[in-house]
Amino acid sequence: MAIEIGSLVVKGHFGPSPRHPQETRAETARQLAEMRRDILEDVREMIADATQRSQDR
């Protein structure tokens, strides 16, 4: 599938990636937990940066 926006053309597969047979529910749960931890860490860093900027003003 290709999407064209002006001169930009994006080609790729859209939607969820096909599951590999060896990928189990436990592995998927582990990956999601890791993703949640990463997102939480990023959000905490953003909050700390925003707090520091507001105190510097």
Protein backbone atom coordinates (compact mmCIF):
# COMPACT_ATOMS: atom_id res chain seq x y z
CA MET A 1 0.00 0.00 0.00
CA ALA A 2 1.29 3.48 -0.81
CA ILE A 3 0.02 6.82 0.45
CA GLU A 4 0.93 10.00 -1.44
CA ILE A 5 0.83 13.38 0.27
CA GLY A 6 2.11 16.08 -2.06
CA SER A 7 5.55 14.90 -3.13
CA LEU A 8 5.92 12.56 -0.15
CA VAL A 9 5.16 8.92 -0.85
CA VAL A 10 5.03 6.50 2.06
CA LYS A 11 5.07 2.80 1.26
CA GLY A 12 4.67 0.12 3.83
CA HIS A 13 2.44 -2.31 5.60
CA PHE A 14 -0.21 -0.85 7.83
CA GLY A 15 -1.86 -2.54 10.75
CA PRO A 16 -0.52 -5.03 13.26
CA SER A 17 2.46 -7.10 12.25
CA PRO A 18 1.79 -10.77 11.65
CA ARG A 19 2.44 -12.95 14.69
CA HIS A 20 5.27 -15.38 14.65
CA PRO A 21 4.29 -18.85 15.88
CA GLN A 22 6.98 -18.84 18.56
CA GLU A 23 5.66 -15.58 20.03
CA THR A 24 3.61 -16.47 23.08
CA ARG A 25 1.21 -14.50 25.22
CA ALA A 26 3.86 -14.29 27.92
CA GLU A 27 6.35 -12.77 25.48
CA THR A 28 3.76 -10.27 24.30
CA ALA A 29 2.93 -9.36 27.91
CA ARG A 30 6.65 -8.92 28.67
CA GLN A 31 7.08 -6.64 25.65
CA LEU A 32 4.06 -4.54 26.64
CA ALA A 33 5.32 -4.22 30.23
CA GLU A 34 8.71 -3.09 28.95
CA MET A 35 7.04 -0.55 26.66
CA ARG A 36 4.97 0.80 29.56
CA ARG A 37 8.12 1.19 31.69
CA ASP A 38 9.89 3.04 28.87
CA ILE A 39 6.94 5.38 28.33
CA LEU A 40 6.63 6.05 32.07
CA GLU A 41 10.35 6.85 32.27
CA ASP A 42 10.05 9.25 29.32
CA VAL A 43 7.03 10.99 30.85
CA ARG A 44 8.81 11.37 34.19
CA GLU A 45 11.81 12.92 32.41
CA MET A 46 9.51 15.35 30.57
CA ILE A 47 7.81 16.34 33.82
CA ALA A 48 11.18 16.86 35.54
CA ASP A 49 12.40 18.99 32.61
CA ALA A 50 9.22 21.08 32.66
CA THR A 51 9.50 21.55 36.42
CA GLN A 52 13.13 22.60 36.12
CA ARG A 53 12.32 25.08 33.34
CA SER A 54 9.50 26.63 35.37
CA GLN A 55 11.81 27.01 38.38
CA ASP A 56 14.54 28.59 36.23
CA ARG A 57 12.18 31.37 35.14
